[in-house]
Amino acid sequence: MISLVFFKPEEHLSGVSYSLDENQLRFTASANQALQSIEAREDDDAFPITILVNNIPAGFFVLDFGNDKFELTENENSVLVRSLSVNPELQGKGIGKAAMLQVDDFVRKNFKDCDEIVLAVNQKNDSAYHIYLKAGYIYDGKTRIGRSGPQYLMYKKI
C-alpha cells in the first residue's frame, strides 16, 4: 500500500538517502539535496514528503508554497511539487504514479486553502511527463527554461 506522510528525519532519512544516477539527477534533486535546500531557506514554506510503500520509505518530494511557484502560476493558493524521486531499486512499479494520484487528497487534508498543484517537468523526462498526465495534471502549452533545458509547466485544480 502506498501512502504519503510528512518527512520525519529520524524515521525516513535512511530510507530516502538512495542514490540517483546521473541521468535522473539532470531532472530532479536527490532527497538529501532537497532537504539541504529547505534547511538553507529562511522561511518555512516547504514541506518534505515521504512516499511509503507498506510503511517503508520508497520515495520523496517537496510541497513548496514559496515564491518559486509564481514562475508557474499567478495563483496565491497553489503549491509547487518539486524534487520527486523514487528509490531506483523500486522504480517501474507504479509508485510514482500512485503517489501523484494521492497528492490531491494529501494537500486537501493538510493545506485547506490550497486549490491548485503546479509542477515543471523537463521535456526530455518523458516517463515523468506521462506519469503526471495519467495522474490528471494538465499541460496547456506553457513552457520555461529550467536548469537542464525546456520544461513543460503543468497544473491540477483541486
N, C-alpha and C. Protein backbone atom coordinates (compact mmCIF):
# COMPACT_ATOMS: atom_id res chain seq x y z
N MET A 1 0.83 -1.18 0.00
CA MET A 1 0.00 0.00 0.00
C MET A 1 0.89 1.26 0.00
N ILE A 2 0.54 2.19 -0.84
CA ILE A 2 1.31 3.43 -0.96
C ILE A 2 0.60 4.54 -0.20
N SER A 3 1.39 5.27 0.60
CA SER A 3 0.83 6.39 1.36
C SER A 3 1.85 7.53 1.40
N LEU A 4 1.34 8.72 1.69
CA LEU A 4 2.16 9.93 1.79
C LEU A 4 2.12 10.42 3.22
N VAL A 5 3.29 10.79 3.76
CA VAL A 5 3.38 11.33 5.11
C VAL A 5 4.41 12.46 5.13
N PHE A 6 4.27 13.34 6.09
CA PHE A 6 5.28 14.36 6.28
C PHE A 6 6.59 13.66 6.65
N PHE A 7 7.69 14.12 6.06
CA PHE A 7 9.01 13.56 6.30
C PHE A 7 9.39 13.68 7.77
N LYS A 8 9.85 12.57 8.35
CA LYS A 8 10.35 12.55 9.73
C LYS A 8 11.79 12.06 9.66
N PRO A 9 12.76 12.97 9.91
CA PRO A 9 14.17 12.59 9.75
C PRO A 9 14.56 11.30 10.46
N GLU A 10 14.12 11.17 11.71
CA GLU A 10 14.54 10.00 12.49
C GLU A 10 13.97 8.69 11.93
N GLU A 11 12.86 8.75 11.23
CA GLU A 11 12.23 7.54 10.70
C GLU A 11 12.50 7.33 9.21
N HIS A 12 12.69 8.41 8.46
CA HIS A 12 12.71 8.29 7.00
C HIS A 12 14.05 8.57 6.32
N LEU A 13 14.96 9.28 7.01
CA LEU A 13 16.17 9.75 6.33
C LEU A 13 16.95 8.61 5.69
N SER A 14 17.18 7.54 6.40
CA SER A 14 17.97 6.45 5.81
C SER A 14 17.23 5.84 4.61
N GLY A 15 15.92 5.79 4.67
CA GLY A 15 15.14 5.20 3.58
C GLY A 15 15.05 6.05 2.33
N VAL A 16 15.27 7.36 2.46
CA VAL A 16 15.22 8.23 1.27
C VAL A 16 16.62 8.69 0.86
N SER A 17 17.64 8.14 1.48
CA SER A 17 19.02 8.52 1.15
C SER A 17 19.59 7.65 0.02
N TYR A 18 18.74 7.21 -0.87
CA TYR A 18 19.18 6.42 -2.03
C TYR A 18 19.88 7.33 -3.03
N SER A 19 20.69 6.72 -3.88
CA SER A 19 21.42 7.48 -4.90
C SER A 19 20.66 7.42 -6.22
N LEU A 20 20.59 8.56 -6.87
CA LEU A 20 20.01 8.63 -8.21
C LEU A 20 21.17 8.66 -9.21
N ASP A 21 20.95 8.08 -10.39
CA ASP A 21 22.01 8.10 -11.39
C ASP A 21 22.11 9.49 -12.04
N GLU A 22 23.17 9.67 -12.80
CA GLU A 22 23.46 10.97 -13.42
C GLU A 22 22.28 11.46 -14.27
N ASN A 23 21.66 10.54 -15.01
CA ASN A 23 20.54 10.92 -15.87
C ASN A 23 19.38 11.45 -15.04
N GLN A 24 19.05 10.79 -13.94
CA GLN A 24 17.94 11.24 -13.09
C GLN A 24 18.27 12.56 -12.41
N LEU A 25 19.52 12.73 -12.02
CA LEU A 25 19.91 13.97 -11.34
C LEU A 25 19.87 15.18 -12.28
N ARG A 26 19.79 14.94 -13.61
CA ARG A 26 19.59 16.04 -14.55
C ARG A 26 18.20 16.64 -14.37
N PHE A 27 17.25 15.82 -13.91
CA PHE A 27 15.85 16.22 -13.87
C PHE A 27 15.32 16.51 -12.47
N THR A 28 15.95 15.99 -11.44
CA THR A 28 15.42 16.17 -10.08
C THR A 28 16.57 16.20 -9.09
N ALA A 29 16.30 16.73 -7.93
CA ALA A 29 17.27 16.71 -6.84
C ALA A 29 17.09 15.42 -6.05
N SER A 30 18.16 14.96 -5.45
CA SER A 30 18.03 13.84 -4.52
C SER A 30 17.31 14.35 -3.27
N ALA A 31 16.81 13.43 -2.48
CA ALA A 31 16.15 13.83 -1.23
C ALA A 31 17.11 14.61 -0.35
N ASN A 32 18.36 14.17 -0.26
CA ASN A 32 19.34 14.87 0.57
C ASN A 32 19.58 16.29 0.07
N GLN A 33 19.69 16.47 -1.26
CA GLN A 33 19.87 17.82 -1.82
C GLN A 33 18.66 18.69 -1.51
N ALA A 34 17.46 18.14 -1.68
CA ALA A 34 16.24 18.91 -1.41
C ALA A 34 16.15 19.30 0.06
N LEU A 35 16.51 18.39 0.95
CA LEU A 35 16.47 18.69 2.38
C LEU A 35 17.48 19.78 2.74
N GLN A 36 18.66 19.73 2.13
CA GLN A 36 19.67 20.78 2.38
C GLN A 36 19.17 22.13 1.89
N SER A 37 18.50 22.12 0.74
CA SER A 37 17.96 23.36 0.18
C SER A 37 16.89 23.95 1.10
N ILE A 38 16.02 23.10 1.63
CA ILE A 38 14.98 23.56 2.56
C ILE A 38 15.62 24.13 3.81
N GLU A 39 16.64 23.45 4.32
CA GLU A 39 17.31 23.89 5.54
C GLU A 39 17.97 25.26 5.36
N ALA A 40 18.46 25.53 4.15
CA ALA A 40 19.15 26.79 3.86
C ALA A 40 18.19 27.96 3.72
N ARG A 41 16.93 27.66 3.49
CA ARG A 41 15.94 28.72 3.32
C ARG A 41 15.62 29.36 4.66
N GLU A 42 15.19 30.60 4.60
CA GLU A 42 14.86 31.31 5.85
C GLU A 42 13.36 31.29 6.13
N ASP A 43 12.61 30.60 5.29
CA ASP A 43 11.16 30.54 5.52
C ASP A 43 10.78 29.10 5.85
N ASP A 44 9.53 28.90 6.15
CA ASP A 44 9.05 27.55 6.43
C ASP A 44 7.90 27.20 5.49
N ASP A 45 8.10 27.54 4.22
CA ASP A 45 7.06 27.34 3.21
C ASP A 45 7.20 26.01 2.46
N ALA A 46 8.23 25.22 2.76
CA ALA A 46 8.46 23.97 2.03
C ALA A 46 8.32 22.79 2.99
N PHE A 47 7.59 21.78 2.52
CA PHE A 47 7.30 20.62 3.35
C PHE A 47 7.78 19.35 2.65
N PRO A 48 8.82 18.70 3.19
CA PRO A 48 9.26 17.43 2.60
C PRO A 48 8.25 16.32 2.90
N ILE A 49 8.01 15.51 1.89
CA ILE A 49 7.02 14.43 1.98
C ILE A 49 7.70 13.11 1.64
N THR A 50 7.42 12.09 2.43
CA THR A 50 7.94 10.75 2.18
C THR A 50 6.84 9.90 1.54
N ILE A 51 7.21 9.18 0.49
CA ILE A 51 6.31 8.20 -0.13
C ILE A 51 6.63 6.87 0.54
N LEU A 52 5.62 6.27 1.18
CA LEU A 52 5.80 4.99 1.84
C LEU A 52 5.15 3.87 1.03
N VAL A 53 5.80 2.73 1.00
CA VAL A 53 5.21 1.51 0.45
C VAL A 53 5.20 0.51 1.61
N ASN A 54 4.00 0.14 2.03
CA ASN A 54 3.85 -0.72 3.20
C ASN A 54 4.65 -0.17 4.39
N ASN A 55 4.52 1.13 4.60
CA ASN A 55 5.15 1.85 5.71
C ASN A 55 6.67 1.91 5.66
N ILE A 56 7.26 1.60 4.50
CA ILE A 56 8.71 1.70 4.32
C ILE A 56 8.99 2.81 3.30
N PRO A 57 9.90 3.74 3.62
CA PRO A 57 10.20 4.83 2.68
C PRO A 57 10.65 4.31 1.31
N ALA A 58 10.00 4.83 0.27
CA ALA A 58 10.31 4.40 -1.10
C ALA A 58 10.54 5.57 -2.03
N GLY A 59 10.18 6.78 -1.60
CA GLY A 59 10.33 7.95 -2.46
C GLY A 59 10.17 9.22 -1.64
N PHE A 60 10.26 10.31 -2.38
CA PHE A 60 10.35 11.60 -1.71
C PHE A 60 9.94 12.70 -2.67
N PHE A 61 9.35 13.79 -2.13
CA PHE A 61 9.14 15.02 -2.88
C PHE A 61 8.91 16.16 -1.91
N VAL A 62 8.82 17.36 -2.45
CA VAL A 62 8.62 18.54 -1.62
C VAL A 62 7.37 19.27 -2.09
N LEU A 63 6.54 19.70 -1.14
CA LEU A 63 5.44 20.61 -1.41
C LEU A 63 5.93 21.99 -1.02
N ASP A 64 6.08 22.87 -2.01
CA ASP A 64 6.69 24.17 -1.79
C ASP A 64 5.67 25.28 -2.02
N PHE A 65 5.37 26.02 -0.95
CA PHE A 65 4.43 27.13 -1.01
C PHE A 65 5.13 28.47 -1.18
N GLY A 66 6.46 28.44 -1.37
CA GLY A 66 7.24 29.67 -1.51
C GLY A 66 7.02 30.37 -2.83
N ASN A 67 7.79 31.43 -3.05
CA ASN A 67 7.59 32.28 -4.23
C ASN A 67 7.96 31.63 -5.56
N ASP A 68 8.73 30.54 -5.54
CA ASP A 68 9.09 29.88 -6.80
C ASP A 68 7.87 29.45 -7.60
N LYS A 69 6.78 29.17 -6.91
CA LYS A 69 5.57 28.72 -7.62
C LYS A 69 5.04 29.78 -8.59
N PHE A 70 5.38 31.06 -8.32
CA PHE A 70 4.86 32.12 -9.17
C PHE A 70 5.53 32.15 -10.54
N GLU A 71 6.56 31.34 -10.75
CA GLU A 71 7.12 31.14 -12.08
C GLU A 71 6.20 30.27 -12.92
N LEU A 72 5.26 29.57 -12.27
CA LEU A 72 4.37 28.64 -12.96
C LEU A 72 2.91 29.07 -12.93
N THR A 73 2.55 29.89 -11.96
CA THR A 73 1.14 30.27 -11.80
C THR A 73 1.06 31.63 -11.10
N GLU A 74 -0.07 32.27 -11.25
CA GLU A 74 -0.33 33.50 -10.51
C GLU A 74 -1.18 33.23 -9.27
N ASN A 75 -1.56 31.99 -9.08
CA ASN A 75 -2.47 31.59 -8.01
C ASN A 75 -1.74 31.57 -6.66
N GLU A 76 -2.14 32.47 -5.77
CA GLU A 76 -1.54 32.53 -4.43
C GLU A 76 -1.84 31.29 -3.60
N ASN A 77 -2.92 30.58 -3.93
CA ASN A 77 -3.34 29.41 -3.17
C ASN A 77 -2.86 28.11 -3.80
N SER A 78 -1.75 28.17 -4.52
CA SER A 78 -1.21 26.98 -5.17
C SER A 78 0.00 26.46 -4.41
N VAL A 79 0.40 25.24 -4.74
CA VAL A 79 1.61 24.64 -4.21
C VAL A 79 2.41 24.04 -5.36
N LEU A 80 3.72 24.13 -5.25
CA LEU A 80 4.63 23.59 -6.25
C LEU A 80 5.15 22.24 -5.77
N VAL A 81 5.00 21.20 -6.61
CA VAL A 81 5.61 19.91 -6.33
C VAL A 81 6.99 19.92 -6.96
N ARG A 82 8.01 19.58 -6.15
CA ARG A 82 9.37 19.58 -6.68
C ARG A 82 10.17 18.43 -6.08
N SER A 83 11.25 18.11 -6.76
CA SER A 83 12.22 17.11 -6.27
C SER A 83 11.62 15.73 -6.06
N LEU A 84 10.70 15.33 -6.94
CA LEU A 84 10.10 13.99 -6.83
C LEU A 84 11.10 12.94 -7.29
N SER A 85 11.25 11.91 -6.46
CA SER A 85 12.06 10.76 -6.86
C SER A 85 11.54 9.52 -6.16
N VAL A 86 11.85 8.38 -6.77
CA VAL A 86 11.54 7.08 -6.20
C VAL A 86 12.85 6.30 -6.14
N ASN A 87 13.04 5.56 -5.09
CA ASN A 87 14.23 4.73 -4.94
C ASN A 87 14.44 3.92 -6.23
N PRO A 88 15.62 4.02 -6.86
CA PRO A 88 15.86 3.32 -8.12
C PRO A 88 15.59 1.82 -8.04
N GLU A 89 15.78 1.21 -6.89
CA GLU A 89 15.50 -0.22 -6.74
C GLU A 89 14.01 -0.54 -6.84
N LEU A 90 13.18 0.50 -6.69
CA LEU A 90 11.72 0.30 -6.69
C LEU A 90 11.03 0.96 -7.88
N GLN A 91 11.81 1.55 -8.78
CA GLN A 91 11.21 2.24 -9.93
C GLN A 91 10.59 1.23 -10.89
N GLY A 92 9.60 1.70 -11.65
CA GLY A 92 8.92 0.84 -12.62
C GLY A 92 7.80 0.02 -12.04
N LYS A 93 7.43 0.27 -10.80
CA LYS A 93 6.37 -0.48 -10.13
C LYS A 93 5.11 0.35 -9.91
N GLY A 94 5.07 1.58 -10.49
CA GLY A 94 3.89 2.42 -10.35
C GLY A 94 3.84 3.25 -9.09
N ILE A 95 4.94 3.30 -8.34
CA ILE A 95 4.96 4.04 -7.08
C ILE A 95 4.81 5.54 -7.31
N GLY A 96 5.55 6.07 -8.28
CA GLY A 96 5.48 7.50 -8.58
C GLY A 96 4.08 7.91 -9.01
N LYS A 97 3.48 7.12 -9.88
CA LYS A 97 2.12 7.44 -10.36
C LYS A 97 1.12 7.37 -9.19
N ALA A 98 1.22 6.31 -8.39
CA ALA A 98 0.30 6.17 -7.25
C ALA A 98 0.46 7.33 -6.28
N ALA A 99 1.70 7.74 -6.06
CA ALA A 99 1.94 8.88 -5.16
C ALA A 99 1.32 10.14 -5.73
N MET A 100 1.52 10.39 -7.02
CA MET A 100 0.98 11.60 -7.63
C MET A 100 -0.55 11.60 -7.61
N LEU A 101 -1.15 10.44 -7.67
CA LEU A 101 -2.61 10.35 -7.58
C LEU A 101 -3.10 10.69 -6.18
N GLN A 102 -2.24 10.54 -5.17
CA GLN A 102 -2.62 10.80 -3.79
C GLN A 102 -2.30 12.22 -3.32
N VAL A 103 -1.50 12.95 -4.10
CA VAL A 103 -1.10 14.29 -3.68
C VAL A 103 -2.32 15.18 -3.46
N ASP A 104 -3.31 15.11 -4.32
CA ASP A 104 -4.52 15.95 -4.19
C ASP A 104 -5.14 15.80 -2.80
N ASP A 105 -5.42 14.55 -2.42
CA ASP A 105 -6.06 14.31 -1.13
C ASP A 105 -5.17 14.74 0.03
N PHE A 106 -3.87 14.49 -0.10
CA PHE A 106 -2.92 14.89 0.95
C PHE A 106 -2.93 16.41 1.13
N VAL A 107 -2.90 17.12 0.01
CA VAL A 107 -2.90 18.59 0.08
C VAL A 107 -4.23 19.09 0.63
N ARG A 108 -5.34 18.55 0.14
CA ARG A 108 -6.67 18.96 0.63
C ARG A 108 -6.78 18.78 2.14
N LYS A 109 -6.28 17.65 2.63
CA LYS A 109 -6.39 17.32 4.05
C LYS A 109 -5.50 18.21 4.91
N ASN A 110 -4.29 18.53 4.44
CA ASN A 110 -3.30 19.20 5.26
C ASN A 110 -3.14 20.70 5.00
N PHE A 111 -3.62 21.16 3.85
CA PHE A 111 -3.48 22.57 3.47
C PHE A 111 -4.81 23.04 2.89
N LYS A 112 -5.74 23.34 3.76
CA LYS A 112 -7.13 23.59 3.36
C LYS A 112 -7.31 24.73 2.36
N ASP A 113 -6.43 25.73 2.36
CA ASP A 113 -6.59 26.87 1.46
C ASP A 113 -6.04 26.62 0.06
N CYS A 114 -5.31 25.56 -0.12
CA CYS A 114 -4.67 25.28 -1.42
C CYS A 114 -5.70 24.73 -2.40
N ASP A 115 -5.73 25.30 -3.61
CA ASP A 115 -6.70 24.83 -4.61
C ASP A 115 -6.06 24.49 -5.96
N GLU A 116 -4.72 24.46 -6.01
CA GLU A 116 -4.05 24.11 -7.26
C GLU A 116 -2.66 23.55 -6.95
N ILE A 117 -2.27 22.52 -7.70
CA ILE A 117 -0.94 21.95 -7.60
C ILE A 117 -0.25 22.23 -8.93
N VAL A 118 0.97 22.74 -8.88
CA VAL A 118 1.72 23.04 -10.10
C VAL A 118 3.06 22.31 -10.05
N LEU A 119 3.62 22.08 -11.22
CA LEU A 119 4.93 21.46 -11.32
C LEU A 119 5.52 21.76 -12.68
N ALA A 120 6.83 21.59 -12.77
CA ALA A 120 7.54 21.73 -14.05
C ALA A 120 8.28 20.43 -14.29
N VAL A 121 8.19 19.92 -15.50
CA VAL A 121 8.88 18.67 -15.84
C VAL A 121 9.69 18.89 -17.11
N ASN A 122 10.93 18.44 -17.09
CA ASN A 122 11.80 18.60 -18.24
C ASN A 122 11.21 17.88 -19.45
N GLN A 123 11.29 18.53 -20.61
CA GLN A 123 10.70 17.95 -21.82
C GLN A 123 11.37 16.64 -22.22
N LYS A 124 12.59 16.40 -21.76
CA LYS A 124 13.27 15.14 -22.08
C LYS A 124 12.93 14.03 -21.08
N ASN A 125 12.23 14.37 -20.02
CA ASN A 125 11.87 13.40 -19.00
C ASN A 125 10.49 12.83 -19.33
N ASP A 126 10.46 12.05 -20.40
CA ASP A 126 9.21 11.56 -20.97
C ASP A 126 8.41 10.70 -19.99
N SER A 127 9.09 9.84 -19.23
CA SER A 127 8.35 8.96 -18.33
C SER A 127 7.64 9.78 -17.24
N ALA A 128 8.33 10.78 -16.68
CA ALA A 128 7.69 11.61 -15.65
C ALA A 128 6.52 12.40 -16.24
N TYR A 129 6.72 12.94 -17.43
CA TYR A 129 5.65 13.71 -18.08
C TYR A 129 4.38 12.85 -18.22
N HIS A 130 4.55 11.61 -18.65
CA HIS A 130 3.38 10.74 -18.83
C HIS A 130 2.76 10.31 -17.49
N ILE A 131 3.57 10.17 -16.46
CA ILE A 131 3.03 9.88 -15.13
C ILE A 131 2.13 11.03 -14.69
N TYR A 132 2.60 12.26 -14.88
CA TYR A 132 1.80 13.42 -14.47
C TYR A 132 0.50 13.51 -15.28
N LEU A 133 0.57 13.25 -16.57
CA LEU A 133 -0.66 13.25 -17.39
C LEU A 133 -1.65 12.21 -16.87
N LYS A 134 -1.15 11.00 -16.59
CA LYS A 134 -2.03 9.93 -16.10
C LYS A 134 -2.62 10.26 -14.73
N ALA A 135 -1.91 11.08 -13.97
CA ALA A 135 -2.39 11.47 -12.64
C ALA A 135 -3.31 12.69 -12.71
N GLY A 136 -3.63 13.15 -13.93
CA GLY A 136 -4.60 14.22 -14.08
C GLY A 136 -4.05 15.62 -14.21
N TYR A 137 -2.73 15.75 -14.31
CA TYR A 137 -2.14 17.09 -14.49
C TYR A 137 -2.31 17.52 -15.94
N ILE A 138 -2.46 18.81 -16.11
CA ILE A 138 -2.77 19.38 -17.43
C ILE A 138 -1.57 20.17 -17.94
N TYR A 139 -1.24 19.93 -19.20
CA TYR A 139 -0.23 20.74 -19.88
C TYR A 139 -0.97 21.53 -20.95
N ASP A 140 -0.95 22.87 -20.84
CA ASP A 140 -1.71 23.68 -21.80
C ASP A 140 -0.80 24.52 -22.69
N GLY A 141 0.43 24.06 -22.89
CA GLY A 141 1.32 24.72 -23.84
C GLY A 141 2.35 25.65 -23.22
N LYS A 142 2.28 25.90 -21.92
CA LYS A 142 3.24 26.81 -21.29
C LYS A 142 4.55 26.07 -21.00
N THR A 143 5.66 26.76 -21.27
CA THR A 143 6.98 26.19 -21.01
C THR A 143 7.87 27.24 -20.36
N ARG A 144 9.00 26.79 -19.87
CA ARG A 144 10.05 27.67 -19.38
C ARG A 144 11.38 26.93 -19.56
N ILE A 145 12.45 27.66 -19.41
CA ILE A 145 13.77 27.03 -19.46
C ILE A 145 14.21 26.74 -18.03
N GLY A 146 14.48 25.49 -17.76
CA GLY A 146 14.96 25.07 -16.45
C GLY A 146 16.46 24.83 -16.48
N ARG A 147 16.99 24.30 -15.40
CA ARG A 147 18.45 24.12 -15.31
C ARG A 147 18.97 23.08 -16.30
N SER A 148 18.10 22.18 -16.77
CA SER A 148 18.52 21.17 -17.75
C SER A 148 17.75 21.29 -19.06
N GLY A 149 17.28 22.49 -19.38
CA GLY A 149 16.60 22.70 -20.65
C GLY A 149 15.12 23.01 -20.48
N PRO A 150 14.39 22.98 -21.61
CA PRO A 150 12.96 23.35 -21.60
C PRO A 150 12.12 22.43 -20.71
N GLN A 151 11.16 23.04 -20.04
CA GLN A 151 10.25 22.31 -19.15
C GLN A 151 8.80 22.59 -19.53
N TYR A 152 7.97 21.56 -19.40
CA TYR A 152 6.52 21.73 -19.51
C TYR A 152 6.02 22.21 -18.15
N LEU A 153 5.15 23.21 -18.16
CA LEU A 153 4.52 23.66 -16.92
C LEU A 153 3.14 23.01 -16.84
N MET A 154 2.91 22.29 -15.76
CA MET A 154 1.68 21.51 -15.61
C MET A 154 0.96 21.95 -14.34
N TYR A 155 -0.33 21.69 -14.31
CA TYR A 155 -1.12 22.06 -13.14
C TYR A 155 -2.31 21.13 -12.98
N LYS A 156 -2.87 21.16 -11.78
CA LYS A 156 -4.07 20.40 -11.50
C LYS A 156 -4.87 21.19 -10.46
N LYS A 157 -6.10 21.52 -10.79
CA LYS A 157 -7.00 22.19 -9.84
C LYS A 157 -7.53 21.13 -8.87
N ILE A 158 -7.61 21.52 -7.59
CA ILE A 158 -8.14 20.56 -6.61
C ILE A 158 -9.25 21.20 -5.80
